[in-house]
Amino acid sequence: MNPAEKSVKRNHPATVRAWCMYDWANSVYSLVITSAIFPVYYKAVAVTREGEETVPFMGYSIKNSVLYSYALSFSFLIVAAILPLLSGVSDYTGRKKQFMQVFVIMGSMACIGLYFFEGIETLYWGIFCSVMASIGYSGSLVFYDAFLPEIVTEDRLDEVSARGYSMGYYGSVILMVACLVLILNPQWFGFSSEGHATRFSFLLVGVWWMGFAWMSFRKLPENPTGTKGARAWRKGYEEILKVWRELKHSPDLKKYLTSFFFFNMGVQTVMYLATLFGTDVLRLPSQNLIATILLIQLVAAAGAWFFARLSRQKGNTFTLSLMLAGWILVCLSAYGITKAYQFYLLAAVVGMIMGGIQSLSRATYAKLLPVNTLDHASYFSFYDVTYNLSIVLGTFSYGLVHQLTGNMRNSALALAIYFVIGLIFLHRVRSVTIRVPVSRQAQ
């Protein structure tokens, strides 16, 4: 046994608290930067001096919302490309904490850098920081997830994972509310404008993320498992190829991954770009949009619980099919909505099925893994690559349809096609019943 492994006491309360604390640290990025405040701010300031939303970027004229979609696609493409490399390093060198620290610094400093994104003059800087923040966030999670099975025993995996998810939810909502107080009352805190207070909220996200992450790093073990070696840098890619070859022996798993690839394209695109739909199509006030994101967060937690209970009675494939049908109706409804209250009702439905589908997707995948496999890390690395590539294509196609047709409603309608394809492949998978753990992916 590796001597380093002996030094790690599993289920140690301080280590478990440190691991959960990173969810508290990073979830503010997901809520404030990805979903709520930054997309609204971006749409407001990424305009020409004449107020036009079509902006110059790298020699092209492109609508600001389309540019944002493409920037997200690029960031997840980078993550998908380096994910196997990161997984290989994580598994075979044991230097999880050091690499995790690098990505935390990258992501949090990029959020702080968004403070200097003031308008069209600094558009390149704003896009660069948003891309780097996305890469930092996703890259850090690779190492964060890899810690869990090494610091707790198998019987406590679900419990500790759920605890981390809960801490992340509470932490993000607390900072979100604080940021809203700043933005809605800038004069109380000495800010010159609402925009200045909004940019300060991005700085707060970076400080919160890095500060609480370092509380985690103080207690997380240095090198729980792993052996150092140059081969580790290519091992992750070799493992991905091995899983790809083994899929032909697991037809249900292959069909489910295909289904997941398509319906996750729709789910994640809605999560990342729903705010832009509200600003572009319905011209909703920023305060209303941000309040809607909070509503989605609250309803998503209830949705995860409800659909988890339903899956125990009806099975995963039935429950996932029901939610995919709901997603199809959401996309079709989004094409025709014209009133603000319709958007809010739709947001409530999205929250309910968003929490459910994310918590069930990963659990269903785990159920379908080959019974005799011991290499779960490689299979889940393959799953994560599939996850990120689906976001690349989903966000890119959303922006492309918007660019070609000039109407974001058509982009929403196109997402329905992904859910339909996902539903077709899911119906070809044998029925799956599983006790579903709460997934941190539902954040």
Foldseek 3Di string as FASTA:
>chain_A
DPPLQVVADAPDVLLLVLLLLLLLQQLLCLQCPQFAQVVVLQQVFAADPVRHQFADDPRDTAGSLLVLLQLLLVLLVVCLVCLLLLLLCCAAALQLLVQLLVLLLQQLVLLLQLLPVGHNVCVVSNSVSSSSNSNSSSSNVSSSVSLQCSRHPPVCSLVSQVSSLVSNLVSNVVLLVVLVVCLVCVVVVPDPHSSNSSSVSSNVSSCSNNVSNVSSSVNHRRGNDHHDDPCSSCVSVVLLVVVVVCVVVQVLLVLLLLLCLLLLLLLVLCRRCVLVLCCPPAVDDSVVSSVLSVLLSVLLVVLQVVLLVVCQVFFLLVSLLVLLVLLLVLLVVSLDDHDPVSSSVSSSSSSNSLSNNQQSSVVVSVQSPDPPDPPVSSVVSNSVSSSSNSNSVSSNQLSVVCRVVVDSSVSSNVSSVSSVSSSVSSVVRPTHGDNTRRHSRSD
